Amino acid sequence: MSRPARFETRRDGYERWRSWDPVERKERYVYVHQLLCISDGADPHLVFSNGDYHVHHGNRIRWDNRPSNVSLLDSEKHEQHHRSHRVAGRQRVARADGGRR
C-alpha cells in the first residue's frame, strides 16, 4: 500500500514534500524551492546536482518561495554570496557597538 506525500515545514523554515520510497524503504524529500526553480525553467539535473548548484532565496527567508525570490546559483557563487553577507553583518554590528565586540 502506498502512502500519500506529506507537506511539512522543517524547524529551520524550509518547506518540503515528504514521501515513502517502498523500493529503497526510506523517506524521500523534495523542497518547494527546488520544485519552484524547475517550474521557472531551471534544469532539474542542476537543481538536483548533489551540491554543485544551490537554489538561493534572495531575501534569505527560507519559506519565501515566490518565483522572484529564488534563483539557481553554482555552489561557489552561492557560498561567496552568503560569506559576503556574513562579513557585512559583522561590520554593521561592530559599527553599532562602537567597535566594542
PDB file of N, CA and C in Angstrom:
ATOM      1  N   MET A   1       0.848  -1.185   0.000  1.00  0.00           N
ATOM      2  CA  MET A   1       0.000   0.000   0.000  1.00  0.00           C
ATOM      3  C   MET A   1       0.891   1.245   0.000  1.00  0.00           C
ATOM      4  N   SER A   2       0.588   2.181  -0.863  1.00  0.00           N
ATOM      5  CA  SER A   2       1.413   3.389  -0.919  1.00  0.00           C
ATOM      6  C   SER A   2       0.888   4.433   0.059  1.00  0.00           C
ATOM      7  N   ARG A   3       1.795   5.231   0.528  1.00  0.00           N
ATOM      8  CA  ARG A   3       1.449   6.312   1.456  1.00  0.00           C
ATOM      9  C   ARG A   3       1.412   7.620   0.682  1.00  0.00           C
ATOM     10  N   PRO A   4       0.486   8.511   1.005  1.00  0.00           N
ATOM     11  CA  PRO A   4       0.454   9.802   0.300  1.00  0.00           C
ATOM     12  C   PRO A   4       1.623  10.693   0.733  1.00  0.00           C
ATOM     13  N   ALA A   5       2.047  11.542  -0.182  1.00  0.00           N
ATOM     14  CA  ALA A   5       3.086  12.525   0.144  1.00  0.00           C
ATOM     15  C   ALA A   5       2.528  13.499   1.170  1.00  0.00           C
ATOM     16  N   ARG A   6       3.411  14.016   2.013  1.00  0.00           N
ATOM     17  CA  ARG A   6       3.001  14.965   3.056  1.00  0.00           C
ATOM     18  C   ARG A   6       3.830  16.241   2.932  1.00  0.00           C
ATOM     19  N   PHE A   7       3.161  17.359   3.126  1.00  0.00           N
ATOM     20  CA  PHE A   7       3.838  18.654   3.136  1.00  0.00           C
ATOM     21  C   PHE A   7       4.260  18.951   4.562  1.00  0.00           C
ATOM     22  N   GLU A   8       5.464  19.503   4.738  1.00  0.00           N
ATOM     23  CA  GLU A   8       5.926  19.865   6.075  1.00  0.00           C
ATOM     24  C   GLU A   8       6.888  21.043   5.998  1.00  0.00           C
ATOM     25  N   THR A   9       7.029  21.722   7.107  1.00  0.00           N
ATOM     26  CA  THR A   9       7.998  22.804   7.242  1.00  0.00           C
ATOM     27  C   THR A   9       9.015  22.377   8.289  1.00  0.00           C
ATOM     28  N   ARG A  10      10.277  22.355   7.905  1.00  0.00           N
ATOM     29  CA  ARG A  10      11.327  21.999   8.855  1.00  0.00           C
ATOM     30  C   ARG A  10      11.468  23.090   9.911  1.00  0.00           C
ATOM     31  N   ARG A  11      12.115  22.765  10.985  1.00  0.00           N
ATOM     32  CA  ARG A  11      12.328  23.746  12.065  1.00  0.00           C
ATOM     33  C   ARG A  11      13.108  24.969  11.600  1.00  0.00           C
ATOM     34  N   ASP A  12      13.976  24.792  10.610  1.00  0.00           N
ATOM     35  CA  ASP A  12      14.766  25.926  10.111  1.00  0.00           C
ATOM     36  C   ASP A  12      14.028  26.736   9.049  1.00  0.00           C
ATOM     37  N   GLY A  13      12.770  26.380   8.745  1.00  0.00           N
ATOM     38  CA  GLY A  13      11.940  27.179   7.851  1.00  0.00           C
ATOM     39  C   GLY A  13      11.790  26.661   6.435  1.00  0.00           C
ATOM     40  N   TYR A  14      12.596  25.690   6.031  1.00  0.00           N
ATOM     41  CA  TYR A  14      12.469  25.157   4.675  1.00  0.00           C
ATOM     42  C   TYR A  14      11.200  24.320   4.547  1.00  0.00           C
ATOM     43  N   GLU A  15      10.448  24.557   3.464  1.00  0.00           N
ATOM     44  CA  GLU A  15       9.236  23.795   3.182  1.00  0.00           C
ATOM     45  C   GLU A  15       9.584  22.659   2.227  1.00  0.00           C
ATOM     46  N   ARG A  16       8.997  21.479   2.481  1.00  0.00           N
ATOM     47  CA  ARG A  16       9.312  20.332   1.636  1.00  0.00           C
ATOM     48  C   ARG A  16       8.146  19.348   1.580  1.00  0.00           C
ATOM     49  N   TRP A  17       8.208  18.485   0.584  1.00  0.00           N
ATOM     50  CA  TRP A  17       7.296  17.360   0.463  1.00  0.00           C
ATOM     51  C   TRP A  17       8.064  16.115   0.852  1.00  0.00           C
ATOM     52  N   ARG A  18       7.376  15.228   1.571  1.00  0.00           N
ATOM     53  CA  ARG A  18       7.989  14.008   2.086  1.00  0.00           C
ATOM     54  C   ARG A  18       7.167  12.819   1.606  1.00  0.00           C
ATOM     55  N   SER A  19       7.844  11.779   1.142  1.00  0.00           N
ATOM     56  CA  SER A  19       7.144  10.601   0.649  1.00  0.00           C
ATOM     57  C   SER A  19       7.968   9.347   0.937  1.00  0.00           C
ATOM     58  N   TRP A  20       7.282   8.251   1.140  1.00  0.00           N
ATOM     59  CA  TRP A  20       7.929   6.974   1.403  1.00  0.00           C
ATOM     60  C   TRP A  20       8.312   6.317   0.084  1.00  0.00           C
ATOM     61  N   ASP A  21       9.557   5.862  -0.020  1.00  0.00           N
ATOM     62  CA  ASP A  21      10.032   5.121  -1.187  1.00  0.00           C
ATOM     63  C   ASP A  21       9.985   3.638  -0.830  1.00  0.00           C
ATOM     64  N   PRO A  22       9.009   2.889  -1.379  1.00  0.00           N
ATOM     65  CA  PRO A  22       8.865   1.480  -0.994  1.00  0.00           C
ATOM     66  C   PRO A  22      10.003   0.596  -1.508  1.00  0.00           C
ATOM     67  N   VAL A  23      10.647   0.988  -2.588  1.00  0.00           N
ATOM     68  CA  VAL A  23      11.749   0.194  -3.122  1.00  0.00           C
ATOM     69  C   VAL A  23      12.978   0.328  -2.225  1.00  0.00           C
ATOM     70  N   GLU A  24      13.348   1.568  -1.913  1.00  0.00           N
ATOM     71  CA  GLU A  24      14.511   1.822  -1.056  1.00  0.00           C
ATOM     72  C   GLU A  24      14.179   1.694   0.429  1.00  0.00           C
ATOM     73  N   ARG A  25      12.887   1.648   0.719  1.00  0.00           N
ATOM     74  CA  ARG A  25      12.388   1.535   2.095  1.00  0.00           C
ATOM     75  C   ARG A  25      12.918   2.667   2.987  1.00  0.00           C
ATOM     76  N   LYS A  26      12.765   3.894   2.477  1.00  0.00           N
ATOM     77  CA  LYS A  26      13.154   5.067   3.258  1.00  0.00           C
ATOM     78  C   LYS A  26      12.367   6.278   2.781  1.00  0.00           C
ATOM     79  N   GLU A  27      12.390   7.330   3.588  1.00  0.00           N
ATOM     80  CA  GLU A  27      11.716   8.578   3.240  1.00  0.00           C
ATOM     81  C   GLU A  27      12.517   9.316   2.171  1.00  0.00           C
ATOM     82  N   ARG A  28      11.803   9.967   1.266  1.00  0.00           N
ATOM     83  CA  ARG A  28      12.407  10.828   0.248  1.00  0.00           C
ATOM     84  C   ARG A  28      11.835  12.225   0.434  1.00  0.00           C
ATOM     85  N   TYR A  29      12.633  13.238   0.127  1.00  0.00           N
ATOM     86  CA  TYR A  29      12.217  14.628   0.305  1.00  0.00           C
ATOM     87  C   TYR A  29      12.487  15.420  -0.968  1.00  0.00           C
ATOM     88  N   VAL A  30      11.618  16.377  -1.231  1.00  0.00           N
ATOM     89  CA  VAL A  30      11.869  17.358  -2.281  1.00  0.00           C
ATOM     90  C   VAL A  30      11.420  18.704  -1.723  1.00  0.00           C
ATOM     91  N   TYR A  31      12.263  19.703  -1.879  1.00  0.00           N
ATOM     92  CA  TYR A  31      11.998  21.016  -1.299  1.00  0.00           C
ATOM     93  C   TYR A  31      11.197  21.885  -2.262  1.00  0.00           C
ATOM     94  N   VAL A  32      10.301  22.683  -1.708  1.00  0.00           N
ATOM     95  CA  VAL A  32       9.437  23.543  -2.511  1.00  0.00           C
ATOM     96  C   VAL A  32      10.270  24.491  -3.371  1.00  0.00           C
ATOM     97  N   HIS A  33      11.338  25.057  -2.815  1.00  0.00           N
ATOM     98  CA  HIS A  33      12.142  25.992  -3.610  1.00  0.00           C
ATOM     99  C   HIS A  33      12.821  25.295  -4.792  1.00  0.00           C
ATOM    100  N   GLN A  34      13.133  24.010  -4.664  1.00  0.00           N
ATOM    101  CA  GLN A  34      13.692  23.269  -5.794  1.00  0.00           C
ATOM    102  C   GLN A  34      12.645  23.088  -6.893  1.00  0.00           C
ATOM    103  N   LEU A  35      11.437  22.673  -6.496  1.00  0.00           N
ATOM    104  CA  LEU A  35      10.357  22.494  -7.475  1.00  0.00           C
ATOM    105  C   LEU A  35      10.025  23.805  -8.171  1.00  0.00           C
ATOM    106  N   LEU A  36       9.988  24.874  -7.398  1.00  0.00           N
ATOM    107  CA  LEU A  36       9.678  26.185  -7.957  1.00  0.00           C
ATOM    108  C   LEU A  36      10.723  26.604  -8.985  1.00  0.00           C
ATOM    109  N   CYS A  37      11.972  26.388  -8.674  1.00  0.00           N
ATOM    110  CA  CYS A  37      13.053  26.767  -9.583  1.00  0.00           C
ATOM    111  C   CYS A  37      12.939  25.979 -10.897  1.00  0.00           C
ATOM    112  N   ILE A  38      12.610  24.701 -10.804  1.00  0.00           N
ATOM    113  CA  ILE A  38      12.428  23.880 -12.003  1.00  0.00           C
ATOM    114  C   ILE A  38      11.224  24.364 -12.800  1.00  0.00           C
ATOM    115  N   SER A  39      10.121  24.670 -12.110  1.00  0.00           N
ATOM    116  CA  SER A  39       8.925  25.132 -12.822  1.00  0.00           C
ATOM    117  C   SER A  39       9.161  26.478 -13.504  1.00  0.00           C
ATOM    118  N   ASP A  40      10.171  27.207 -13.026  1.00  0.00           N
ATOM    119  CA  ASP A  40      10.504  28.505 -13.621  1.00  0.00           C
ATOM    120  C   ASP A  40      11.551  28.371 -14.733  1.00  0.00           C
ATOM    121  N   GLY A  41      11.926  27.125 -15.077  1.00  0.00           N
ATOM    122  CA  GLY A  41      12.799  26.900 -16.222  1.00  0.00           C
ATOM    123  C   GLY A  41      14.177  26.343 -15.936  1.00  0.00           C
ATOM    124  N   ALA A  42      14.545  26.170 -14.665  1.00  0.00           N
ATOM    125  CA  ALA A  42      15.876  25.640 -14.348  1.00  0.00           C
ATOM    126  C   ALA A  42      15.973  24.161 -14.731  1.00  0.00           C
ATOM    127  N   ASP A  43      17.155  23.737 -15.099  1.00  0.00           N
ATOM    128  CA  ASP A  43      17.413  22.345 -15.460  1.00  0.00           C
ATOM    129  C   ASP A  43      17.344  21.477 -14.195  1.00  0.00           C
ATOM    130  N   PRO A  44      16.454  20.476 -14.164  1.00  0.00           N
ATOM    131  CA  PRO A  44      16.355  19.611 -12.977  1.00  0.00           C
ATOM    132  C   PRO A  44      17.670  18.926 -12.620  1.00  0.00           C
ATOM    133  N   HIS A  45      18.493  18.615 -13.629  1.00  0.00           N
ATOM    134  CA  HIS A  45      19.778  17.970 -13.346  1.00  0.00           C
ATOM    135  C   HIS A  45      20.705  18.891 -12.548  1.00  0.00           C
ATOM    136  N   LEU A  46      20.587  20.187 -12.763  1.00  0.00           N
ATOM    137  CA  LEU A  46      21.394  21.135 -11.988  1.00  0.00           C
ATOM    138  C   LEU A  46      20.799  21.342 -10.599  1.00  0.00           C
ATOM    139  N   VAL A  47      19.481  21.447 -10.528  1.00  0.00           N
ATOM    140  CA  VAL A  47      18.819  21.651  -9.231  1.00  0.00           C
ATOM    141  C   VAL A  47      19.126  20.487  -8.291  1.00  0.00           C
ATOM    142  N   PHE A  48      19.123  19.261  -8.823  1.00  0.00           N
ATOM    143  CA  PHE A  48      19.393  18.068  -8.012  1.00  0.00           C
ATOM    144  C   PHE A  48      20.798  17.533  -8.267  1.00  0.00           C
ATOM    145  N   SER A  49      21.786  18.409  -8.296  1.00  0.00           N
ATOM    146  CA  SER A  49      23.155  18.054  -8.679  1.00  0.00           C
ATOM    147  C   SER A  49      24.035  17.605  -7.520  1.00  0.00           C
ATOM    148  N   ASN A  50      23.472  17.297  -6.382  1.00  0.00           N
ATOM    149  CA  ASN A  50      24.258  16.852  -5.219  1.00  0.00           C
ATOM    150  C   ASN A  50      25.307  17.866  -4.787  1.00  0.00           C
ATOM    151  N   GLY A  51      24.933  19.141  -4.797  1.00  0.00           N
ATOM    152  CA  GLY A  51      25.804  20.163  -4.243  1.00  0.00           C
ATOM    153  C   GLY A  51      26.537  21.043  -5.230  1.00  0.00           C
ATOM    154  N   ASP A  52      26.520  20.705  -6.515  1.00  0.00           N
ATOM    155  CA  ASP A  52      27.199  21.557  -7.498  1.00  0.00           C
ATOM    156  C   ASP A  52      26.473  22.886  -7.684  1.00  0.00           C
ATOM    157  N   TYR A  53      25.151  22.859  -7.526  1.00  0.00           N
ATOM    158  CA  TYR A  53      24.310  24.055  -7.641  1.00  0.00           C
ATOM    159  C   TYR A  53      23.373  24.106  -6.447  1.00  0.00           C
ATOM    160  N   HIS A  54      22.980  25.314  -6.072  1.00  0.00           N
ATOM    161  CA  HIS A  54      22.038  25.512  -4.969  1.00  0.00           C
ATOM    162  C   HIS A  54      20.941  26.464  -5.402  1.00  0.00           C
ATOM    163  N   VAL A  55      19.734  26.227  -4.900  1.00  0.00           N
ATOM    164  CA  VAL A  55      18.648  27.178  -5.114  1.00  0.00           C
ATOM    165  C   VAL A  55      18.739  28.193  -3.984  1.00  0.00           C
ATOM    166  N   HIS A  56      18.883  29.451  -4.348  1.00  0.00           N
ATOM    167  CA  HIS A  56      19.123  30.533  -3.392  1.00  0.00           C
ATOM    168  C   HIS A  56      17.863  31.358  -3.176  1.00  0.00           C
ATOM    169  N   HIS A  57      17.550  31.645  -1.916  1.00  0.00           N
ATOM    170  CA  HIS A  57      16.471  32.569  -1.568  1.00  0.00           C
ATOM    171  C   HIS A  57      17.080  33.971  -1.486  1.00  0.00           C
ATOM    172  N   GLY A  58      16.682  34.851  -2.389  1.00  0.00           N
ATOM    173  CA  GLY A  58      17.272  36.183  -2.489  1.00  0.00           C
ATOM    174  C   GLY A  58      17.202  36.990  -1.208  1.00  0.00           C
ATOM    175  N   ASN A  59      16.073  36.923  -0.505  1.00  0.00           N
ATOM    176  CA  ASN A  59      15.932  37.704   0.723  1.00  0.00           C
ATOM    177  C   ASN A  59      16.309  36.897   1.967  1.00  0.00           C
ATOM    178  N   ARG A  60      16.833  35.696   1.773  1.00  0.00           N
ATOM    179  CA  ARG A  60      17.301  34.792   2.835  1.00  0.00           C
ATOM    180  C   ARG A  60      16.189  34.317   3.761  1.00  0.00           C
ATOM    181  N   ILE A  61      14.927  34.475   3.338  1.00  0.00           N
ATOM    182  CA  ILE A  61      13.803  33.935   4.107  1.00  0.00           C
ATOM    183  C   ILE A  61      13.455  32.589   3.494  1.00  0.00           C
ATOM    184  N   ARG A  62      13.721  31.526   4.218  1.00  0.00           N
ATOM    185  CA  ARG A  62      13.661  30.172   3.674  1.00  0.00           C
ATOM    186  C   ARG A  62      12.269  29.730   3.245  1.00  0.00           C
ATOM    187  N   TRP A  63      11.246  30.319   3.810  1.00  0.00           N
ATOM    188  CA  TRP A  63       9.882  29.929   3.441  1.00  0.00           C
ATOM    189  C   TRP A  63       9.267  30.883   2.422  1.00  0.00           C
ATOM    190  N   ASP A  64      10.021  31.857   1.943  1.00  0.00           N
ATOM    191  CA  ASP A  64       9.535  32.776   0.916  1.00  0.00           C
ATOM    192  C   ASP A  64       9.855  32.181  -0.460  1.00  0.00           C
ATOM    193  N   ASN A  65       8.924  31.386  -0.953  1.00  0.00           N
ATOM    194  CA  ASN A  65       9.143  30.647  -2.188  1.00  0.00           C
ATOM    195  C   ASN A  65       8.479  31.288  -3.400  1.00  0.00           C
ATOM    196  N   ARG A  66       8.438  32.607  -3.427  1.00  0.00           N
ATOM    197  CA  ARG A  66       7.938  33.293  -4.622  1.00  0.00           C
ATOM    198  C   ARG A  66       8.965  33.148  -5.742  1.00  0.00           C
ATOM    199  N   PRO A  67       8.492  33.020  -7.005  1.00  0.00           N
ATOM    200  CA  PRO A  67       9.441  32.887  -8.118  1.00  0.00           C
ATOM    201  C   PRO A  67      10.475  34.014  -8.167  1.00  0.00           C
ATOM    202  N   SER A  68      10.085  35.213  -7.810  1.00  0.00           N
ATOM    203  CA  SER A  68      11.021  36.343  -7.858  1.00  0.00           C
ATOM    204  C   SER A  68      12.090  36.274  -6.769  1.00  0.00           C
ATOM    205  N   ASN A  69      11.941  35.369  -5.811  1.00  0.00           N
ATOM    206  CA  ASN A  69      12.873  35.296  -4.690  1.00  0.00           C
ATOM    207  C   ASN A  69      13.854  34.127  -4.784  1.00  0.00           C
ATOM    208  N   VAL A  70      13.683  33.237  -5.747  1.00  0.00           N
ATOM    209  CA  VAL A  70      14.590  32.091  -5.839  1.00  0.00           C
ATOM    210  C   VAL A  70      15.361  32.116  -7.151  1.00  0.00           C
ATOM    211  N   SER A  71      16.601  31.666  -7.082  1.00  0.00           N
ATOM    212  CA  SER A  71      17.434  31.569  -8.283  1.00  0.00           C
ATOM    213  C   SER A  71      18.419  30.426  -8.097  1.00  0.00           C
ATOM    214  N   LEU A  72      18.880  29.884  -9.208  1.00  0.00           N
ATOM    215  CA  LEU A  72      19.841  28.791  -9.180  1.00  0.00           C
ATOM    216  C   LEU A  72      21.248  29.371  -9.312  1.00  0.00           C
ATOM    217  N   LEU A  73      22.103  29.054  -8.338  1.00  0.00           N
ATOM    218  CA  LEU A  73      23.492  29.532  -8.345  1.00  0.00           C
ATOM    219  C   LEU A  73      24.429  28.342  -8.253  1.00  0.00           C
ATOM    220  N   ASP A  74      25.599  28.449  -8.882  1.00  0.00           N
ATOM    221  CA  ASP A  74      26.570  27.382  -8.650  1.00  0.00           C
ATOM    222  C   ASP A  74      27.040  27.501  -7.202  1.00  0.00           C
ATOM    223  N   SER A  75      27.484  26.398  -6.647  1.00  0.00           N
ATOM    224  CA  SER A  75      27.760  26.350  -5.209  1.00  0.00           C
ATOM    225  C   SER A  75      28.807  27.371  -4.775  1.00  0.00           C
ATOM    226  N   GLU A  76      29.796  27.638  -5.614  1.00  0.00           N
ATOM    227  CA  GLU A  76      30.832  28.608  -5.248  1.00  0.00           C
ATOM    228  C   GLU A  76      30.257  30.020  -5.152  1.00  0.00           C
ATOM    229  N   LYS A  77      29.465  30.419  -6.142  1.00  0.00           N
ATOM    230  CA  LYS A  77      28.849  31.749  -6.099  1.00  0.00           C
ATOM    231  C   LYS A  77      27.877  31.858  -4.933  1.00  0.00           C
ATOM    232  N   HIS A  78      27.171  30.776  -4.651  1.00  0.00           N
ATOM    233  CA  HIS A  78      26.226  30.784  -3.536  1.00  0.00           C
ATOM    234  C   HIS A  78      26.963  30.998  -2.213  1.00  0.00           C
ATOM    235  N   GLU A  79      28.060  30.284  -2.023  1.00  0.00           N
ATOM    236  CA  GLU A  79      28.852  30.436  -0.799  1.00  0.00           C
ATOM    237  C   GLU A  79      29.461  31.830  -0.715  1.00  0.00           C
ATOM    238  N   GLN A  80      29.973  32.364  -1.818  1.00  0.00           N
ATOM    239  CA  GLN A  80      30.529  33.724  -1.822  1.00  0.00           C
ATOM    240  C   GLN A  80      29.465  34.741  -1.425  1.00  0.00           C
ATOM    241  N   HIS A  81      28.273  34.558  -1.949  1.00  0.00           N
ATOM    242  CA  HIS A  81      27.176  35.478  -1.631  1.00  0.00           C
ATOM    243  C   HIS A  81      26.890  35.470  -0.127  1.00  0.00           C
ATOM    244  N   HIS A  82      26.761  34.284   0.460  1.00  0.00           N
ATOM    245  CA  HIS A  82      26.465  34.206   1.892  1.00  0.00           C
ATOM    246  C   HIS A  82      27.649  34.674   2.733  1.00  0.00           C
ATOM    247  N   ARG A  83      28.858  34.388   2.290  1.00  0.00           N
ATOM    248  CA  ARG A  83      30.044  34.841   3.023  1.00  0.00           C
ATOM    249  C   ARG A  83      30.088  36.365   3.059  1.00  0.00           C
ATOM    250  N   SER A  84      29.789  37.021   1.943  1.00  0.00           N
ATOM    251  CA  SER A  84      29.826  38.487   1.909  1.00  0.00           C
ATOM    252  C   SER A  84      28.748  39.080   2.809  1.00  0.00           C
ATOM    253  N   HIS A  85      27.596  38.417   2.914  1.00  0.00           N
ATOM    254  CA  HIS A  85      26.546  38.907   3.810  1.00  0.00           C
ATOM    255  C   HIS A  85      26.934  38.725   5.278  1.00  0.00           C
ATOM    256  N   ARG A  86      27.630  37.621   5.594  1.00  0.00           N
ATOM    257  CA  ARG A  86      28.081  37.422   6.983  1.00  0.00           C
ATOM    258  C   ARG A  86      29.094  38.490   7.372  1.00  0.00           C
ATOM    259  N   VAL A  87      30.041  38.792   6.489  1.00  0.00           N
ATOM    260  CA  VAL A  87      31.054  39.821   6.765  1.00  0.00           C
ATOM    261  C   VAL A  87      30.381  41.175   6.916  1.00  0.00           C
ATOM    262  N   ALA A  88      29.464  41.509   6.011  1.00  0.00           N
ATOM    263  CA  ALA A  88      28.762  42.796   6.090  1.00  0.00           C
ATOM    264  C   ALA A  88      27.967  42.891   7.384  1.00  0.00           C
ATOM    265  N   GLY A  89      27.356  41.803   7.810  1.00  0.00           N
ATOM    266  CA  GLY A  89      26.595  41.801   9.059  1.00  0.00           C
ATOM    267  C   GLY A  89      27.488  42.043  10.262  1.00  0.00           C
ATOM    268  N   ARG A  90      28.667  41.429  10.278  1.00  0.00           N
ATOM    269  CA  ARG A  90      29.603  41.644  11.389  1.00  0.00           C
ATOM    270  C   ARG A  90      30.092  43.084  11.410  1.00  0.00           C
ATOM    271  N   GLN A  91      30.307  43.670  10.239  1.00  0.00           N
ATOM    272  CA  GLN A  91      30.752  45.062  10.181  1.00  0.00           C
ATOM    273  C   GLN A  91      29.667  45.993  10.705  1.00  0.00           C
ATOM    274  N   ARG A  92      28.397  45.710  10.382  1.00  0.00           N
ATOM    275  CA  ARG A  92      27.298  46.543  10.895  1.00  0.00           C
ATOM    276  C   ARG A  92      27.223  46.446  12.410  1.00  0.00           C
ATOM    277  N   VAL A  93      27.400  45.246  12.956  1.00  0.00           N
ATOM    278  CA  VAL A  93      27.362  45.070  14.411  1.00  0.00           C
ATOM    279  C   VAL A  93      28.519  45.818  15.049  1.00  0.00           C
ATOM    280  N   ALA A  94      29.711  45.735  14.457  1.00  0.00           N
ATOM    281  CA  ALA A  94      30.881  46.424  15.007  1.00  0.00           C
ATOM    282  C   ALA A  94      30.657  47.930  15.030  1.00  0.00           C
ATOM    283  N   ARG A  95      30.078  48.489  13.972  1.00  0.00           N
ATOM    284  CA  ARG A  95      29.820  49.929  13.949  1.00  0.00           C
ATOM    285  C   ARG A  95      28.745  50.299  14.970  1.00  0.00           C
ATOM    286  N   ALA A  96      27.752  49.450  15.128  1.00  0.00           N
ATOM    287  CA  ALA A  96      26.646  49.757  16.041  1.00  0.00           C
ATOM    288  C   ALA A  96      27.108  49.787  17.493  1.00  0.00           C
ATOM    289  N   ASP A  97      28.094  48.967  17.842  1.00  0.00           N
ATOM    290  CA  ASP A  97      28.536  48.968  19.236  1.00  0.00           C
ATOM    291  C   ASP A  97      29.834  49.752  19.423  1.00  0.00           C
ATOM    292  N   GLY A  98      30.181  50.581  18.451  1.00  0.00           N
ATOM    293  CA  GLY A  98      31.368  51.424  18.565  1.00  0.00           C
ATOM    294  C   GLY A  98      32.662  50.648  18.454  1.00  0.00           C
ATOM    295  N   GLY A  99      32.602  49.468  17.843  1.00  0.00           N
ATOM    296  CA  GLY A  99      33.807  48.671  17.676  1.00  0.00           C
ATOM    297  C   GLY A  99      34.122  47.810  18.885  1.00  0.00           C
ATOM    298  N   ARG A 100      33.258  47.824  19.906  1.00  0.00           N
ATOM    299  CA  ARG A 100      33.483  47.006  21.105  1.00  0.00           C
ATOM    300  C   ARG A 100      32.832  45.642  20.889  1.00  0.00           C
ATOM    301  N   ARG A 101      33.550  44.744  20.313  1.00  0.00           N
ATOM    302  CA  ARG A 101      32.974  43.430  20.043  1.00  0.00           C
ATOM    303  C   ARG A 101      33.970  42.353  20.327  1.00  0.00           C
TER     304      ARG A 101
END
